[in-house]
């Protein structure tokens, strides 16, 4: 079955359970799933019920699509995402973005927990993604291109929407939220990086590092969606002062920072 037909299958299932037409699609990363609690009139669909959807295997990822209202608009939120290190292809990982677009989403908001390499930033700070570096050694657009889904060679000079970034910056200032702007680099994982790797990643221009986000953004751009990317810095990755990181600590920092993320995303959705 072709990708286009798989998208139609998944779309029909979601439409059979929820009558709304979403304007915004939201992907919630590690420790950030609680934002889904902000969604009212919610219909929650387990990923396993949706044709061709992968199933999340990562701790703290609930594995549900939450359909409802946020900031007065209809939204679709992924309560947990999929990762390259889980063994999924990038086409599988990005399939939900295709479905969001098919259902009517014009805006994609992507969040993640990440390691901070900029020494001026602290754990728990938020970063608006201004640009990214793809070190996954793969691309979700490799293979036959379906013009119904997007162009063969999408331009990536500005993958993150400048107006959405400005809006998020204004809201962060009004809400007194520490929110930086910088470059995200995606690596395959699942291990964290060595000191030498952190030096390399910082040297090529990255401020934060994570194991997600970039594939979904590439497909969002391919589908002509306006993209906003938000990272929560959950651990500091400074090679000359590196301490071991643990998943429970990362999740705890993400959970604490989530209150700020909730405010920011809710207002961005309402005002975009």
Protein backbone atom coordinates (compact mmCIF):
# COMPACT_ATOMS: atom_id res chain seq x y z
CA UNK A 1 0.00 0.00 0.00
CA UNK A 2 1.36 3.44 -0.92
CA UNK A 3 2.01 6.07 1.74
CA UNK A 4 -0.84 8.25 0.45
CA UNK A 5 -3.33 5.39 0.89
CA UNK A 6 -2.01 4.60 4.38
CA UNK A 7 -2.59 8.24 5.32
CA UNK A 8 -6.19 8.00 4.12
CA UNK A 9 -6.75 4.87 6.23
CA UNK A 10 -5.48 6.55 9.38
CA UNK A 11 -7.39 9.74 8.66
CA UNK A 12 -10.69 7.87 8.28
CA UNK A 13 -10.24 6.10 11.62
CA UNK A 14 -9.59 9.38 13.46
CA UNK A 15 -12.52 11.09 11.73
CA UNK A 16 -14.78 8.19 12.76
CA UNK A 17 -14.03 8.94 16.43
CA UNK A 18 -13.69 12.73 16.39
CA UNK A 19 -15.70 15.18 14.30
CA UNK A 20 -13.41 18.20 14.68
CA UNK A 21 -11.11 19.66 12.02
CA UNK A 22 -7.75 20.49 13.61
CA UNK A 23 -5.78 23.65 12.88
CA UNK A 24 -2.65 22.75 14.88
CA UNK A 25 -0.73 19.51 15.35
CA UNK A 26 1.41 19.16 18.50
CA UNK A 27 4.13 16.57 19.22
CA UNK A 28 4.95 16.17 22.91
CA UNK A 29 8.40 14.86 23.81
CA UNK A 30 9.95 13.10 26.81
CA UNK A 31 8.43 14.27 30.09
CA UNK A 32 6.18 16.77 28.30
CA UNK A 33 3.04 14.70 27.80
CA UNK A 34 1.20 16.53 30.57
CA UNK A 35 0.41 19.37 28.17
CA UNK A 36 -2.29 17.04 26.84
CA UNK A 37 -4.19 17.69 30.10
CA UNK A 38 -4.76 21.25 28.88
CA UNK A 39 -6.83 19.96 25.94
CA UNK A 40 -10.56 20.16 26.59
CA UNK A 41 -13.40 18.08 25.11
CA UNK A 42 -10.68 15.51 24.52
CA UNK A 43 -11.02 12.30 22.56
CA UNK A 44 -8.02 10.03 23.21
CA UNK A 45 -7.15 7.40 20.61
CA UNK A 46 -4.44 4.81 21.40
CA UNK A 47 -1.82 4.61 18.67
CA UNK A 48 -2.50 0.90 18.37
CA UNK A 49 -6.03 1.67 17.15
CA UNK A 50 -4.85 3.85 14.25
CA UNK A 51 -3.95 2.02 11.03
CA UNK A 52 -0.21 2.13 10.16
CA UNK A 53 0.73 4.08 13.32
CA UNK A 54 3.81 2.78 15.17
CA UNK A 55 3.57 2.16 18.92
CA UNK A 56 5.73 4.16 21.34
CA UNK A 57 8.09 2.03 23.43
CA UNK A 58 9.74 4.78 25.49
CA UNK A 59 9.16 5.30 29.20
CA UNK A 60 7.00 8.42 29.92
CA UNK A 61 5.37 8.32 26.46
CA UNK A 62 1.67 7.50 26.88
CA UNK A 63 1.15 6.54 23.24
CA UNK A 64 -2.14 8.29 22.48
CA UNK A 65 -3.44 10.82 20.00
CA UNK A 66 -5.41 13.48 21.88
CA UNK A 67 -8.03 15.34 19.84
CA UNK A 68 -9.80 18.39 21.24
CA UNK A 69 -9.52 22.12 21.94
CA UNK A 70 -6.57 24.18 23.15
CA UNK A 71 -6.54 27.97 23.24
CA UNK A 72 -9.93 28.01 21.54
CA UNK A 73 -8.74 25.99 18.52
CA UNK A 74 -9.08 22.38 17.46
CA UNK A 75 -5.80 20.53 17.89
CA UNK A 76 -4.28 17.08 17.55
CA UNK A 77 -1.60 16.26 20.12
CA UNK A 78 0.71 13.26 20.13
CA UNK A 79 1.11 12.17 23.74
CA UNK A 80 4.44 10.51 23.07
CA UNK A 81 6.45 10.26 19.85
CA UNK A 82 8.54 7.69 18.01
CA UNK A 83 12.33 7.62 17.71
CA UNK A 84 14.91 6.31 15.25
CA UNK A 85 16.60 4.35 18.05
CA UNK A 86 13.41 2.35 18.65
CA UNK A 87 14.03 0.68 15.30
CA UNK A 88 11.41 2.60 13.30
CA UNK A 89 12.17 4.03 9.87
CA UNK A 90 11.98 7.79 9.47
CA UNK A 91 8.90 7.30 7.26
CA UNK A 92 7.17 5.52 10.17
CA UNK A 93 8.32 8.15 12.67
CA UNK A 94 6.91 10.97 10.55
CA UNK A 95 3.69 9.23 9.50
CA UNK A 96 1.62 11.06 12.18
CA UNK A 97 2.72 14.42 10.72
CA UNK A 98 1.36 13.32 7.35
CA UNK A 99 -1.93 12.42 9.01
CA UNK A 100 -2.09 15.77 10.84
CA UNK A 101 -1.69 17.57 7.53
CA UNK A 102 -4.33 15.41 5.84
CA UNK A 103 -6.78 16.23 8.64
CA UNK A 104 -6.27 19.98 8.14
CA UNK A 105 -3.39 21.09 10.38
CA UNK A 106 -1.55 24.08 8.94
CA UNK A 107 0.73 24.53 11.95
CA UNK A 108 3.03 21.96 13.56
CA UNK A 109 4.37 22.52 17.09
CA UNK A 110 7.18 20.14 18.03
CA UNK A 111 8.65 19.85 21.53
CA UNK A 112 11.51 17.81 22.94
CA UNK A 113 13.75 17.29 25.94
CA UNK A 114 17.39 17.94 25.05
CA UNK A 115 20.91 18.27 26.34
CA UNK A 116 22.25 21.82 26.58
CA UNK A 117 25.70 22.57 25.18
CA UNK A 118 25.55 26.36 25.40
CA UNK A 119 27.35 27.20 28.66
CA UNK A 120 25.26 30.34 29.17
CA UNK A 121 22.01 28.39 29.48
CA UNK A 122 20.67 26.44 32.46
CA UNK A 123 18.75 23.22 33.09
CA UNK A 124 15.02 23.87 32.84
CA UNK A 125 15.38 26.72 30.34
CA UNK A 126 13.37 26.66 27.11
CA UNK A 127 14.86 27.15 23.65
CA UNK A 128 13.05 28.10 20.48
CA UNK A 129 14.59 26.18 17.60
CA UNK A 130 15.80 28.63 14.98
CA UNK A 131 17.59 26.04 12.84
CA UNK A 132 18.76 22.43 12.99
CA UNK A 133 21.49 20.01 11.95
CA UNK A 134 20.56 16.50 10.83
CA UNK A 135 23.14 13.92 11.93
CA UNK A 136 20.76 10.96 11.79
CA UNK A 137 22.41 9.81 8.55
CA UNK A 138 18.93 9.36 7.04
CA UNK A 139 16.06 11.43 5.69
CA UNK A 140 12.30 10.70 5.72
CA UNK A 141 11.98 11.97 2.11
CA UNK A 142 14.36 9.40 0.59
CA UNK A 143 12.61 7.25 -2.00
CA UNK A 144 9.80 7.88 -4.45
CA UNK A 145 8.22 11.31 -4.04
CA UNK A 146 4.43 11.67 -4.15
CA UNK A 147 3.62 15.17 -5.45
CA UNK A 148 0.28 14.99 -3.62
CA UNK A 149 2.25 15.15 -0.35
CA UNK A 150 4.90 17.71 -1.27
CA UNK A 151 7.69 18.68 -3.71
CA UNK A 152 10.67 16.52 -4.59
CA UNK A 153 13.18 19.10 -3.28
CA UNK A 154 11.67 21.12 -0.42
CA UNK A 155 13.63 24.23 0.53
CA UNK A 156 15.00 24.25 4.07
CA UNK A 157 16.47 27.76 4.33
CA UNK A 158 13.92 28.58 7.05
CA UNK A 159 12.38 25.35 8.36
CA UNK A 160 11.08 27.08 11.51
CA UNK A 161 8.48 29.78 10.89
CA UNK A 162 9.89 33.25 11.65
CA UNK A 163 6.50 34.73 12.61
CA UNK A 164 5.74 31.88 15.05
CA UNK A 165 9.18 32.35 16.62
CA UNK A 166 8.52 36.08 17.07
CA UNK A 167 5.12 35.33 18.59
CA UNK A 168 6.62 32.80 21.03
CA UNK A 169 9.37 35.27 21.99
CA UNK A 170 6.82 37.99 22.74
CA UNK A 171 4.70 35.63 24.83
CA UNK A 172 7.77 34.36 26.73
CA UNK A 173 8.72 37.96 27.53
CA UNK A 174 5.20 38.78 28.73
CA UNK A 175 5.07 35.62 30.87
CA UNK A 176 8.63 36.15 32.22
CA UNK A 177 9.78 32.77 30.88
CA UNK A 178 13.50 32.24 30.18
CA UNK A 179 13.41 31.32 26.49
CA UNK A 180 16.47 31.31 24.26
CA UNK A 181 16.79 30.86 20.50
CA UNK A 182 19.31 28.49 18.95
CA UNK A 183 20.31 25.46 16.89
CA UNK A 184 19.17 21.88 17.58
CA UNK A 185 21.23 18.91 16.39
CA UNK A 186 19.64 15.47 16.00
CA UNK A 187 21.70 12.33 16.64
CA UNK A 188 20.51 8.69 16.45
CA UNK A 189 21.01 7.66 20.11
CA UNK A 190 20.06 5.90 22.29
CA UNK A 191 23.33 6.44 24.18
CA UNK A 192 24.22 9.90 25.36
CA UNK A 193 27.29 11.52 23.83
CA UNK A 194 30.94 11.37 24.83
CA UNK A 195 32.88 14.45 25.85
CA UNK A 196 34.60 14.51 22.47
CA UNK A 197 31.25 14.27 20.69
CA UNK A 198 29.86 17.21 22.67
CA UNK A 199 32.90 19.26 21.68
CA UNK A 200 32.33 18.30 18.04
CA UNK A 201 28.60 19.13 18.13
CA UNK A 202 29.23 22.46 19.78
CA UNK A 203 31.99 23.16 17.28
CA UNK A 204 29.69 22.70 14.28
CA UNK A 205 27.24 25.26 15.65
CA UNK A 206 24.70 23.39 17.81
CA UNK A 207 23.35 24.76 21.09
CA UNK A 208 21.36 21.69 22.13
CA UNK A 209 21.33 18.00 21.18
CA UNK A 210 18.51 15.44 21.04
CA UNK A 211 17.33 12.26 19.38
CA UNK A 212 14.13 13.43 17.69
CA UNK A 213 12.33 16.40 16.09
CA UNK A 214 14.32 16.87 12.88
CA UNK A 215 12.52 14.11 10.87
CA UNK A 216 9.09 15.48 11.82
CA UNK A 217 10.16 19.02 10.92
CA UNK A 218 11.50 17.92 7.52
CA UNK A 219 8.15 16.29 6.72
CA UNK A 220 6.26 19.30 8.09
CA UNK A 221 8.18 21.56 5.71
CA UNK A 222 7.63 19.08 2.86
CA UNK A 223 3.90 19.30 3.59
CA UNK A 224 3.98 23.15 3.63
CA UNK A 225 3.17 23.38 7.34
CA UNK A 226 4.32 26.29 9.49
CA UNK A 227 6.62 24.82 12.13
CA UNK A 228 7.46 25.92 15.66
CA UNK A 229 10.09 23.94 17.58
CA UNK A 230 10.56 24.08 21.37
CA UNK A 231 13.29 22.38 23.39
CA UNK A 232 13.46 21.94 27.16
CA UNK A 233 17.07 21.76 28.36
CA UNK A 234 17.04 18.84 30.81
CA UNK A 235 20.77 18.34 31.38
CA UNK A 236 23.97 20.29 30.79
CA UNK A 237 26.42 18.72 28.38
CA UNK A 238 29.60 20.70 29.03
CA UNK A 239 32.54 18.40 28.20
CA UNK A 240 34.95 19.85 30.77
CA UNK A 241 32.42 19.51 33.59
CA UNK A 242 30.38 16.51 32.43
CA UNK A 243 28.43 14.51 34.99
CA UNK A 244 26.51 11.26 34.35
CA UNK A 245 22.87 11.86 33.38
CA UNK A 246 19.97 9.56 34.24
CA UNK A 247 16.54 9.25 32.63
CA UNK A 248 14.64 9.84 35.92
CA UNK A 249 16.54 13.11 36.44
CA UNK A 250 15.90 14.18 32.83
CA UNK A 251 12.18 13.44 33.16
CA UNK A 252 12.03 15.30 36.51
CA UNK A 253 13.56 18.44 34.95
CA UNK A 254 11.23 18.18 31.96
CA UNK A 255 8.21 17.80 34.24
CA UNK A 256 9.23 20.87 36.23
CA UNK A 257 9.77 22.95 33.07
CA UNK A 258 6.54 21.75 31.55
CA UNK A 259 4.52 24.39 33.39
CA UNK A 260 6.32 27.05 31.33
CA UNK A 261 5.86 25.04 28.14
CA UNK A 262 2.12 24.72 28.77
CA UNK A 263 1.70 28.49 29.05
CA UNK A 264 3.80 29.15 25.97
CA UNK A 265 2.16 26.57 23.70
CA UNK A 266 -1.38 27.39 24.82
CA UNK A 267 -0.93 31.06 24.05
CA UNK A 268 0.90 30.43 20.75
CA UNK A 269 -1.96 28.20 19.61
CA UNK A 270 -4.54 30.80 20.65
CA UNK A 271 -2.78 33.74 18.98
CA UNK A 272 -1.26 32.16 15.87
